Each structure stands twice: as structure tokens, then as C-alpha cells.
C-alpha atoms as a PDB file:
ATOM      1  CA  MET A   1      -2.670  15.581 104.939  1.00  0.00           C
ATOM      2  CA  LYS A   2      -4.164  15.988 108.759  1.00  0.00           C
ATOM      3  CA  LEU A   3      -4.300  19.043 110.117  1.00  0.00           C
ATOM      4  CA  LYS A   4      -5.038  19.501 114.027  1.00  0.00           C
ATOM      5  CA  PHE A   5      -7.427  22.416 114.744  1.00  0.00           C
ATOM      6  CA  LEU A   6      -7.542  23.335 118.509  1.00  0.00           C
ATOM      7  CA  THR A   7     -11.149  25.224 119.349  1.00  0.00           C
ATOM      8  CA  SER A   8     -14.085  24.417 122.120  1.00  0.00           C
ATOM      9  CA  ASN A   9     -16.566  26.141 119.283  1.00  0.00           C
ATOM     10  CA  MET A  10     -17.719  23.269 117.479  1.00  0.00           C
ATOM     11  CA  HIS A  11     -19.264  25.782 114.552  1.00  0.00           C
ATOM     12  CA  LYS A  12     -15.960  26.876 113.618  1.00  0.00           C
ATOM     13  CA  TYR A  13     -15.130  23.119 113.463  1.00  0.00           C
ATOM     14  CA  ASN A  14     -18.148  22.709 111.397  1.00  0.00           C
ATOM     15  CA  GLU A  15     -17.188  25.878 109.029  1.00  0.00           C
ATOM     16  CA  ILE A  16     -13.036  24.659 108.743  1.00  0.00           C
ATOM     17  CA  SER A  17     -13.272  21.060 108.520  1.00  0.00           C
ATOM     18  CA  ALA A  18     -15.829  21.865 105.416  1.00  0.00           C
ATOM     19  CA  PHE A  19     -13.971  23.604 103.486  1.00  0.00           C
ATOM     20  CA  LEU A  20     -10.665  21.525 104.467  1.00  0.00           C
ATOM     21  CA  GLY A  21     -12.582  18.356 103.106  1.00  0.00           C
ATOM     22  CA  GLN A  22     -13.368  19.681 100.469  1.00  0.00           C
ATOM     23  CA  LEU A  23      -9.367  19.661  99.415  1.00  0.00           C
ATOM     24  CA  GLY A  24      -8.823  16.590 100.574  1.00  0.00           C
ATOM     25  CA  ILE A  25      -7.521  17.716 103.980  1.00  0.00           C
ATOM     26  CA  GLU A  26      -8.709  15.601 107.191  1.00  0.00           C
ATOM     27  CA  CYS A  27      -9.803  18.288 109.677  1.00  0.00           C
ATOM     28  CA  GLN A  28      -9.302  16.524 113.138  1.00  0.00           C
ATOM     29  CA  TRP A  29     -10.880  18.561 115.974  1.00  0.00           C
ATOM     30  CA  VAL A  30      -9.167  18.808 118.760  1.00  0.00           C
ATOM     31  CA  LYS A  31     -11.747  20.045 121.280  1.00  0.00           C
ATOM     32  CA  MET A  32      -9.855  22.143 123.983  1.00  0.00           C
ATOM     33  CA  LYS A  33     -10.944  24.871 126.434  1.00  0.00           C
ATOM     34  CA  TYR A  34      -8.665  27.550 127.295  1.00  0.00           C
ATOM     35  CA  GLU A  35      -7.654  30.555 128.899  1.00  0.00           C
ATOM     36  CA  GLU A  36      -7.197  33.096 126.262  1.00  0.00           C
ATOM     37  CA  ILE A  37      -5.812  36.981 127.488  1.00  0.00           C
ATOM     38  CA  GLN A  38      -7.938  40.045 126.925  1.00  0.00           C
ATOM     39  CA  GLY A  39      -5.597  41.253 124.306  1.00  0.00           C
ATOM     40  CA  GLU A  40      -5.223  44.755 123.051  1.00  0.00           C
ATOM     41  CA  SER A  41      -5.673  42.374 119.307  1.00  0.00           C
ATOM     42  CA  THR A  42      -7.219  39.857 117.566  1.00  0.00           C
ATOM     43  CA  GLU A  43      -3.611  38.486 116.540  1.00  0.00           C
ATOM     44  CA  GLU A  44      -2.466  39.000 119.750  1.00  0.00           C
ATOM     45  CA  ILE A  45      -5.377  36.994 121.725  1.00  0.00           C
ATOM     46  CA  SER A  46      -4.152  34.343 118.647  1.00  0.00           C
ATOM     47  CA  ARG A  47      -0.990  34.090 119.077  1.00  0.00           C
ATOM     48  CA  ASP A  48      -0.914  34.237 122.677  1.00  0.00           C
ATOM     49  CA  SER A  49      -3.196  31.094 123.205  1.00  0.00           C
ATOM     50  CA  ALA A  50      -1.020  29.227 120.058  1.00  0.00           C
ATOM     51  CA  VAL A  51       2.531  29.899 122.158  1.00  0.00           C
ATOM     52  CA  LYS A  52       0.978  29.177 125.546  1.00  0.00           C
ATOM     53  CA  LEU A  53      -0.554  25.596 124.074  1.00  0.00           C
ATOM     54  CA  SER A  54       2.319  24.839 121.773  1.00  0.00           C
ATOM     55  CA  ARG A  55       4.493  23.814 125.322  1.00  0.00           C
ATOM     56  CA  GLN A  56       1.250  21.162 126.096  1.00  0.00           C
ATOM     57  CA  MET A  57       1.242  19.894 122.439  1.00  0.00           C
ATOM     58  CA  ASP A  58       3.542  17.652 121.397  1.00  0.00           C
ATOM     59  CA  ASP A  59       2.456  17.994 117.649  1.00  0.00           C
ATOM     60  CA  LYS A  60       1.846  20.399 114.855  1.00  0.00           C
ATOM     61  CA  PHE A  61      -1.579  22.571 115.199  1.00  0.00           C
ATOM     62  CA  PHE A  62      -3.427  25.393 114.321  1.00  0.00           C
ATOM     63  CA  LEU A  63      -5.743  27.568 116.300  1.00  0.00           C
ATOM     64  CA  GLU A  64      -8.086  30.904 115.125  1.00  0.00           C
ATOM     65  CA  ASP A  65      -9.589  33.797 116.841  1.00  0.00           C
ATOM     66  CA  THR A  66     -11.976  36.303 115.096  1.00  0.00           C
ATOM     67  CA  GLY A  67     -13.311  39.560 115.939  1.00  0.00           C
ATOM     68  CA  LEU A  68     -16.052  41.810 115.219  1.00  0.00           C
ATOM     69  CA  TYR A  69     -15.084  45.670 114.303  1.00  0.00           C
ATOM     70  CA  ILE A  70     -17.594  48.166 113.962  1.00  0.00           C
ATOM     71  CA  ASN A  71     -15.919  51.583 112.217  1.00  0.00           C
ATOM     72  CA  SER A  72     -18.610  54.076 114.429  1.00  0.00           C
ATOM     73  CA  LEU A  73     -17.941  52.560 117.354  1.00  0.00           C
ATOM     74  CA  LYS A  74     -14.317  52.781 117.242  1.00  0.00           C
ATOM     75  CA  GLY A  75     -13.541  49.199 115.795  1.00  0.00           C
ATOM     76  CA  PHE A  76     -15.599  48.476 119.677  1.00  0.00           C
ATOM     77  CA  PRO A  77     -15.791  45.373 119.961  1.00  0.00           C
ATOM     78  CA  GLY A  78     -12.638  43.987 118.394  1.00  0.00           C
ATOM     79  CA  PRO A  79     -10.998  41.247 120.877  1.00  0.00           C
ATOM     80  CA  TYR A  80     -13.918  41.504 123.117  1.00  0.00           C
ATOM     81  CA  SER A  81     -15.975  40.315 120.689  1.00  0.00           C
ATOM     82  CA  SER A  82     -16.680  36.367 122.279  1.00  0.00           C
ATOM     83  CA  TYR A  83     -17.890  38.785 125.379  1.00  0.00           C
ATOM     84  CA  ILE A  84     -19.713  41.304 124.279  1.00  0.00           C
ATOM     85  CA  SER A  85     -21.427  38.226 122.274  1.00  0.00           C
ATOM     86  CA  LYS A  86     -22.094  36.151 125.557  1.00  0.00           C
ATOM     87  CA  THR A  87     -23.171  39.104 126.709  1.00  0.00           C
ATOM     88  CA  ILE A  88     -25.140  41.562 125.223  1.00  0.00           C
ATOM     89  CA  GLY A  89     -25.206  39.643 121.984  1.00  0.00           C
ATOM     90  CA  ASN A  90     -26.731  40.941 118.114  1.00  0.00           C
ATOM     91  CA  GLU A  91     -29.392  42.908 120.573  1.00  0.00           C
ATOM     92  CA  GLY A  92     -26.824  44.975 122.423  1.00  0.00           C
ATOM     93  CA  ILE A  93     -24.454  45.408 119.076  1.00  0.00           C
ATOM     94  CA  LEU A  94     -27.890  46.644 117.361  1.00  0.00           C
ATOM     95  CA  ASP A  95     -28.854  48.969 120.155  1.00  0.00           C
ATOM     96  CA  LEU A  96     -25.513  50.549 120.166  1.00  0.00           C
ATOM     97  CA  LEU A  97     -25.807  51.497 116.168  1.00  0.00           C
ATOM     98  CA  LYS A  98     -29.002  52.953 116.462  1.00  0.00           C
ATOM     99  CA  ASN A  99     -28.864  56.053 114.066  1.00  0.00           C
ATOM    100  CA  LYS A 100     -24.874  54.716 113.163  1.00  0.00           C
ATOM    101  CA  GLU A 101     -23.043  54.295 110.423  1.00  0.00           C
ATOM    102  CA  ARG A 102     -23.034  50.596 110.009  1.00  0.00           C
ATOM    103  CA  SER A 103     -19.799  49.209 108.355  1.00  0.00           C
ATOM    104  CA  ALA A 104     -17.829  46.311 110.076  1.00  0.00           C
ATOM    105  CA  TYR A 105     -15.812  44.004 109.264  1.00  0.00           C
ATOM    106  CA  PHE A 106     -14.696  40.471 110.692  1.00  0.00           C
ATOM    107  CA  LEU A 107     -11.021  39.711 110.989  1.00  0.00           C
ATOM    108  CA  THR A 108      -9.734  36.753 111.574  1.00  0.00           C
ATOM    109  CA  VAL A 109      -5.939  35.760 112.589  1.00  0.00           C
ATOM    110  CA  ILE A 110      -4.814  31.746 112.429  1.00  0.00           C
ATOM    111  CA  SER A 111      -2.133  30.849 114.633  1.00  0.00           C
ATOM    112  CA  TYR A 112      -0.273  28.277 113.210  1.00  0.00           C
ATOM    113  CA  PHE A 113       2.581  26.123 115.133  1.00  0.00           C
ATOM    114  CA  ASP A 114       4.845  24.327 113.214  1.00  0.00           C
ATOM    115  CA  GLY A 115       6.642  22.077 116.068  1.00  0.00           C
ATOM    116  CA  ALA A 116       9.063  25.055 116.776  1.00  0.00           C
ATOM    117  CA  ASN A 117       7.339  28.432 115.949  1.00  0.00           C
ATOM    118  CA  VAL A 118       4.075  30.153 115.584  1.00  0.00           C
ATOM    119  CA  LEU A 119       3.211  31.640 112.732  1.00  0.00           C
ATOM    120  CA  THR A 120       0.060  34.197 111.841  1.00  0.00           C
ATOM    121  CA  PHE A 121      -2.213  34.362 108.842  1.00  0.00           C
ATOM    122  CA  GLN A 122      -4.926  36.873 108.604  1.00  0.00           C
ATOM    123  CA  GLY A 123      -8.539  36.591 107.146  1.00  0.00           C
ATOM    124  CA  LYS A 124     -10.472  39.807 106.823  1.00  0.00           C
ATOM    125  CA  LEU A 125     -14.115  40.306 105.537  1.00  0.00           C
ATOM    126  CA  ASN A 126     -16.035  43.608 104.774  1.00  0.00           C
ATOM    127  CA  GLY A 127     -19.282  44.681 105.234  1.00  0.00           C
ATOM    128  CA  LYS A 128     -22.122  46.178 107.668  1.00  0.00           C
ATOM    129  CA  ILE A 129     -24.407  45.541 110.544  1.00  0.00           C
ATOM    130  CA  ALA A 130     -28.066  44.963 109.458  1.00  0.00           C
ATOM    131  CA  GLU A 131     -30.951  46.465 111.064  1.00  0.00           C
ATOM    132  CA  GLU A 132     -32.376  43.362 112.317  1.00  0.00           C
ATOM    133  CA  GLU A 133     -30.931  40.284 113.179  1.00  0.00           C
ATOM    134  CA  LYS A 134     -32.031  37.674 109.956  1.00  0.00           C
ATOM    135  CA  GLY A 135     -30.874  33.767 109.124  1.00  0.00           C
ATOM    136  CA  LYS A 136     -31.051  30.779 111.777  1.00  0.00           C
ATOM    137  CA  THR A 137     -27.755  29.218 109.997  1.00  0.00           C
ATOM    138  CA  GLY A 138     -24.273  30.467 111.597  1.00  0.00           C
ATOM    139  CA  PHE A 139     -23.635  31.295 115.015  1.00  0.00           C
ATOM    140  CA  GLY A 140     -22.248  34.397 117.257  1.00  0.00           C
ATOM    141  CA  PHE A 141     -22.655  38.024 115.212  1.00  0.00           C
ATOM    142  CA  ASP A 142     -23.516  36.292 111.773  1.00  0.00           C
ATOM    143  CA  PRO A 143     -27.363  36.883 112.165  1.00  0.00           C
ATOM    144  CA  VAL A 144     -26.024  40.853 111.875  1.00  0.00           C
ATOM    145  CA  PHE A 145     -23.100  40.457 109.452  1.00  0.00           C
ATOM    146  CA  VAL A 146     -24.124  41.179 105.636  1.00  0.00           C
ATOM    147  CA  PRO A 147     -20.551  40.557 103.227  1.00  0.00           C
ATOM    148  CA  GLU A 148     -20.273  43.853 101.154  1.00  0.00           C
ATOM    149  CA  ASN A 149     -21.643  43.423  97.994  1.00  0.00           C
ATOM    150  CA  CYS A 150     -24.754  41.062  99.571  1.00  0.00           C
ATOM    151  CA  GLU A 151     -27.533  41.312 100.473  1.00  0.00           C
ATOM    152  CA  LYS A 152     -27.802  38.485 103.157  1.00  0.00           C
ATOM    153  CA  THR A 153     -26.658  37.839 106.542  1.00  0.00           C
ATOM    154  CA  LEU A 154     -24.258  35.112 107.232  1.00  0.00           C
ATOM    155  CA  ALA A 155     -26.551  33.442 108.672  1.00  0.00           C
ATOM    156  CA  GLU A 156     -29.001  33.384 105.927  1.00  0.00           C
ATOM    157  CA  MET A 157     -26.495  31.769 103.588  1.00  0.00           C
ATOM    158  CA  SER A 158     -25.833  27.864 103.548  1.00  0.00           C
ATOM    159  CA  ILE A 159     -22.173  27.023 104.617  1.00  0.00           C
ATOM    160  CA  GLU A 160     -20.985  26.920 101.729  1.00  0.00           C
ATOM    161  CA  GLU A 161     -22.063  29.864 100.918  1.00  0.00           C
ATOM    162  CA  LYS A 162     -20.716  31.652 103.855  1.00  0.00           C
ATOM    163  CA  ASN A 163     -17.495  30.302 102.716  1.00  0.00           C
ATOM    164  CA  GLN A 164     -16.939  31.891  99.887  1.00  0.00           C
ATOM    165  CA  HIS A 165     -17.064  35.195 101.519  1.00  0.00           C
ATOM    166  CA  SER A 166     -15.544  34.226 105.028  1.00  0.00           C
ATOM    167  CA  HIS A 167     -13.045  35.878 107.113  1.00  0.00           C
ATOM    168  CA  ARG A 168     -12.033  32.368 108.377  1.00  0.00           C
ATOM    169  CA  ILE A 169     -11.732  30.761 105.438  1.00  0.00           C
ATOM    170  CA  ASN A 170      -9.935  33.886 103.559  1.00  0.00           C
ATOM    171  CA  ALA A 171      -7.301  33.389 107.214  1.00  0.00           C
ATOM    172  CA  LEU A 172      -7.416  29.362 106.100  1.00  0.00           C
ATOM    173  CA  ARG A 173      -6.892  30.276 102.623  1.00  0.00           C
ATOM    174  CA  SER A 174      -3.592  32.268 103.407  1.00  0.00           C
ATOM    175  CA  PHE A 175      -2.821  29.575 105.703  1.00  0.00           C
ATOM    176  CA  ILE A 176      -2.844  26.383 103.430  1.00  0.00           C
ATOM    177  CA  SER A 177      -1.429  28.211 100.207  1.00  0.00           C
ATOM    178  CA  TYR A 178       1.790  28.852 103.199  1.00  0.00           C
ATOM    179  CA  LEU A 179       1.656  24.866 103.745  1.00  0.00           C
ATOM    180  CA  GLY A 180       1.842  24.011 100.251  1.00  0.00           C
ATOM    181  CA  ILE A 181      -1.573  23.408  99.239  1.00  0.00           C
ATOM    182  CA  GLU A 182      -3.868  25.185  96.453  1.00  0.00           C
ATOM    183  CA  ASP A 183      -7.234  25.634  96.939  1.00  0.00           C
END
């Protein structure tokens, strides 16, 4: 089986293709930049992107959007995570959390265009924001995010280790289960 994954983010592609490859599924990278709305939720952004791109694509595909939700900041940056990562980055997040409670979660929403409709699948990873950046692997907020029941940030983990916890892989599991594929 082959699945088309639309993203301009090589890191996301590498994570997803490594997991799918273990299941014998070929992940075809459709490297594509597209405009995302500044929506109120991660699901709204993911779904809107898939609906717009379904008008341009002649085949089934999936894409994803992920948000980091920090509880003491009332869910910020949430659906604005990409923008916040590019502007204030991890240092800015750490500054915002000085003397604050640090629990947080990642939420990934995969949107799948099945040729007629857009379906969504979610994956969540609970954890906390570390006191400082740690680790060299991963991307985005990985150096500051420690999954629940772990001692290391996502950026301190190998891709295989990260995928055991990953919000992205949790969403992918839900998606491939819908397709009738067991992992």
C-alpha cells in the first residue's frame, strides 16, 4: 500500500514514513507548501487545508497539523504553534513559563481526503515543558517537551523512542486503523 503525505516539513515526513515503513506501507512525500488559515483549532486548520487541497489533487492524500497547548497559558500557543515557533521559539516559551505551572500537551490532527470526503483523526501526547532546552534530535518544540512518565525531552530521544510516545504517531494509528491496517 502507498499513502500520499502532503507536507513541506521534512521532519514530519521522516517521522511518519519511518513508522509506516515498519508496517510495510510506502509513504510518498508530496512536498507542497500551502497557505493555512489562522483558525481557532488545530482541527479547523487541518481540515480546511485538506478541503482546499482536495480541489487541486486528483488522488487520495493526508496531511496533518499539530499544536502545543500549555495549560497555564490557557492553551497557548495551540493553533498558533507554527507561528510562535518561528517567532519567539523555545526560548520565548521558556520565558513565558517562568514561575508558572508547566503541564502541556501536543495535539495532532490528520486530515485524510478519501477521494470524496475529508476525515480527521486525532492524537494527543500529555507532558510538561522542561526548564531548559535539551537534546539535538527532533524539531520545533521537541527540545522543551517532556512526555508524561518520561525523564527526557522528545529531542533527547531517537526517532524510534519518540515514535513510542508521539502525538503524531497516535493520530496515525487512528488513521491506519480506519484504513483497516493493524500496527
